[in-house]
Amino acid sequence: MFEYEIHQIRSAELIQQAEAHRLARTASKARRAARRSGGQEAEGRVSTHRPRRHRAARTA
């Protein structure tokens, strides 16, 4: 009987963890979608129109 109770508790914990993971994934998708549609907001993407500075690799 004791093992069954431990199993029930562990099962409930796993269900809670899965729900938290689902919620985090949904929030991350929403943030990503908001970034993609950022052109509609007042503050858009900042662009300086100059090439990135390429740095030399470190020498030993």
N, C-alpha and C. Protein backbone atom coordinates (compact mmCIF):
# COMPACT_ATOMS: atom_id res chain seq x y z
N MET A 1 0.82 -1.20 0.00
CA MET A 1 0.00 0.00 0.00
C MET A 1 0.87 1.26 0.00
N PHE A 2 1.99 1.19 0.72
CA PHE A 2 2.88 2.34 0.81
C PHE A 2 3.46 2.70 -0.56
N GLU A 3 3.84 1.68 -1.34
CA GLU A 3 4.40 1.93 -2.67
C GLU A 3 3.38 2.60 -3.58
N TYR A 4 2.12 2.21 -3.43
CA TYR A 4 1.07 2.79 -4.25
C TYR A 4 0.92 4.28 -3.94
N GLU A 5 0.99 4.66 -2.67
CA GLU A 5 0.89 6.07 -2.29
C GLU A 5 2.07 6.87 -2.83
N ILE A 6 3.27 6.28 -2.75
CA ILE A 6 4.45 6.95 -3.30
C ILE A 6 4.28 7.12 -4.82
N HIS A 7 3.75 6.10 -5.47
CA HIS A 7 3.51 6.17 -6.90
C HIS A 7 2.51 7.28 -7.22
N GLN A 8 1.47 7.41 -6.47
CA GLN A 8 0.46 8.46 -6.69
C GLN A 8 1.06 9.85 -6.52
N ILE A 9 1.89 10.01 -5.48
CA ILE A 9 2.54 11.31 -5.23
C ILE A 9 3.48 11.65 -6.38
N ARG A 10 4.28 10.66 -6.80
CA ARG A 10 5.23 10.89 -7.90
C ARG A 10 4.48 11.20 -9.20
N SER A 11 3.39 10.52 -9.42
CA SER A 11 2.59 10.77 -10.61
C SER A 11 2.05 12.20 -10.60
N ALA A 12 1.57 12.66 -9.46
CA ALA A 12 1.06 14.03 -9.35
C ALA A 12 2.18 15.04 -9.59
N GLU A 13 3.38 14.76 -9.07
CA GLU A 13 4.52 15.65 -9.28
C GLU A 13 4.88 15.73 -10.76
N LEU A 14 4.89 14.59 -11.44
CA LEU A 14 5.22 14.58 -12.86
C LEU A 14 4.18 15.33 -13.68
N ILE A 15 2.93 15.22 -13.30
CA ILE A 15 1.88 15.95 -14.00
C ILE A 15 2.07 17.46 -13.81
N GLN A 16 2.42 17.88 -12.61
CA GLN A 16 2.66 19.30 -12.34
C GLN A 16 3.87 19.80 -13.13
N GLN A 17 4.93 19.00 -13.19
CA GLN A 17 6.12 19.39 -13.94
C GLN A 17 5.80 19.52 -15.44
N ALA A 18 5.02 18.58 -15.94
CA ALA A 18 4.65 18.63 -17.36
C ALA A 18 3.82 19.88 -17.65
N GLU A 19 2.92 20.22 -16.76
CA GLU A 19 2.09 21.42 -16.95
C GLU A 19 2.96 22.68 -16.91
N ALA A 20 3.94 22.73 -16.00
CA ALA A 20 4.84 23.88 -15.92
C ALA A 20 5.67 23.98 -17.20
N HIS A 21 6.12 22.84 -17.71
CA HIS A 21 6.90 22.84 -18.94
C HIS A 21 6.05 23.32 -20.11
N ARG A 22 4.80 22.86 -20.19
CA ARG A 22 3.90 23.29 -21.25
C ARG A 22 3.65 24.79 -21.18
N LEU A 23 3.46 25.30 -19.96
CA LEU A 23 3.22 26.73 -19.77
C LEU A 23 4.44 27.55 -20.20
N ALA A 24 5.64 27.09 -19.83
CA ALA A 24 6.86 27.79 -20.21
C ALA A 24 7.04 27.78 -21.73
N ARG A 25 6.74 26.65 -22.36
CA ARG A 25 6.88 26.56 -23.81
C ARG A 25 5.88 27.48 -24.51
N THR A 26 4.67 27.56 -23.99
CA THR A 26 3.66 28.45 -24.56
C THR A 26 4.09 29.91 -24.42
N ALA A 27 4.63 30.26 -23.25
CA ALA A 27 5.09 31.64 -23.02
C ALA A 27 6.25 31.97 -23.96
N SER A 28 7.15 31.02 -24.16
CA SER A 28 8.28 31.27 -25.05
C SER A 28 7.81 31.43 -26.49
N LYS A 29 6.82 30.64 -26.91
CA LYS A 29 6.27 30.80 -28.26
C LYS A 29 5.61 32.16 -28.41
N ALA A 30 4.91 32.61 -27.38
CA ALA A 30 4.24 33.91 -27.43
C ALA A 30 5.27 35.04 -27.52
N ARG A 31 6.36 34.94 -26.75
CA ARG A 31 7.42 35.96 -26.82
C ARG A 31 8.05 35.98 -28.20
N ARG A 32 8.30 34.80 -28.76
CA ARG A 32 8.90 34.71 -30.09
C ARG A 32 7.98 35.33 -31.13
N ALA A 33 6.68 35.04 -31.03
CA ALA A 33 5.72 35.60 -31.98
C ALA A 33 5.65 37.12 -31.84
N ALA A 34 5.75 37.62 -30.60
CA ALA A 34 5.71 39.06 -30.38
C ALA A 34 6.94 39.73 -30.98
N ARG A 35 8.10 39.07 -30.90
CA ARG A 35 9.31 39.62 -31.50
C ARG A 35 9.20 39.66 -33.02
N ARG A 36 8.61 38.61 -33.59
CA ARG A 36 8.48 38.56 -35.05
C ARG A 36 7.55 39.64 -35.57
N SER A 37 6.50 39.93 -34.82
CA SER A 37 5.55 40.94 -35.26
C SER A 37 5.90 42.31 -34.67
N GLY A 38 7.13 42.52 -34.31
CA GLY A 38 7.57 43.76 -33.70
C GLY A 38 7.52 44.95 -34.63
N GLY A 39 7.40 44.75 -35.93
CA GLY A 39 7.35 45.85 -36.88
C GLY A 39 6.10 46.70 -36.72
N GLN A 40 5.10 46.21 -36.06
CA GLN A 40 3.85 46.94 -35.89
C GLN A 40 3.88 47.86 -34.67
N GLU A 41 4.89 47.72 -33.84
CA GLU A 41 4.97 48.53 -32.63
C GLU A 41 5.63 49.88 -32.92
N ALA A 42 5.54 50.79 -31.96
CA ALA A 42 6.14 52.12 -32.11
C ALA A 42 7.66 52.01 -32.18
N GLU A 43 8.24 51.16 -31.36
CA GLU A 43 9.69 50.98 -31.36
C GLU A 43 10.01 49.73 -32.16
N GLY A 44 10.66 49.92 -33.28
CA GLY A 44 11.01 48.80 -34.13
C GLY A 44 12.42 48.34 -33.90
N ARG A 45 12.90 47.57 -34.81
CA ARG A 45 14.25 47.04 -34.74
C ARG A 45 15.26 48.15 -35.05
N VAL A 46 16.35 48.17 -34.32
CA VAL A 46 17.38 49.19 -34.52
C VAL A 46 18.39 48.65 -35.51
N SER A 47 18.71 49.45 -36.53
CA SER A 47 19.68 49.05 -37.53
C SER A 47 20.59 50.23 -37.82
N THR A 48 21.90 49.99 -37.80
CA THR A 48 22.85 51.07 -38.03
C THR A 48 23.34 51.12 -39.46
N HIS A 49 23.02 50.12 -40.28
CA HIS A 49 23.42 50.04 -41.68
C HIS A 49 24.92 50.10 -41.87
N ARG A 50 25.67 49.62 -40.94
CA ARG A 50 27.11 49.51 -41.15
C ARG A 50 27.52 48.06 -40.91
N PRO A 51 28.51 47.61 -41.59
CA PRO A 51 28.89 46.19 -41.48
C PRO A 51 29.45 45.88 -40.09
N ARG A 52 29.28 44.65 -39.71
CA ARG A 52 29.84 44.23 -38.42
C ARG A 52 31.35 44.21 -38.49
N ARG A 53 31.96 44.50 -37.37
CA ARG A 53 33.41 44.50 -37.31
C ARG A 53 33.90 43.07 -37.13
N HIS A 54 34.71 42.59 -38.07
CA HIS A 54 35.25 41.23 -37.96
C HIS A 54 36.53 41.30 -37.16
N ARG A 55 36.59 40.49 -36.15
CA ARG A 55 37.77 40.48 -35.29
C ARG A 55 38.68 39.32 -35.66
N ALA A 56 39.95 39.54 -35.49
CA ALA A 56 40.92 38.48 -35.79
C ALA A 56 40.84 37.41 -34.71
N ALA A 57 41.12 36.19 -35.10
CA ALA A 57 41.11 35.09 -34.14
C ALA A 57 42.25 35.26 -33.15
N ARG A 58 42.07 34.74 -31.96
CA ARG A 58 43.14 34.82 -30.95
C ARG A 58 44.32 33.96 -31.36
N THR A 59 45.48 34.47 -31.07
CA THR A 59 46.69 33.69 -31.37
C THR A 59 47.15 33.00 -30.09
N ALA A 60 47.86 31.95 -30.28
CA ALA A 60 48.30 31.17 -29.13
C ALA A 60 49.45 31.82 -28.40
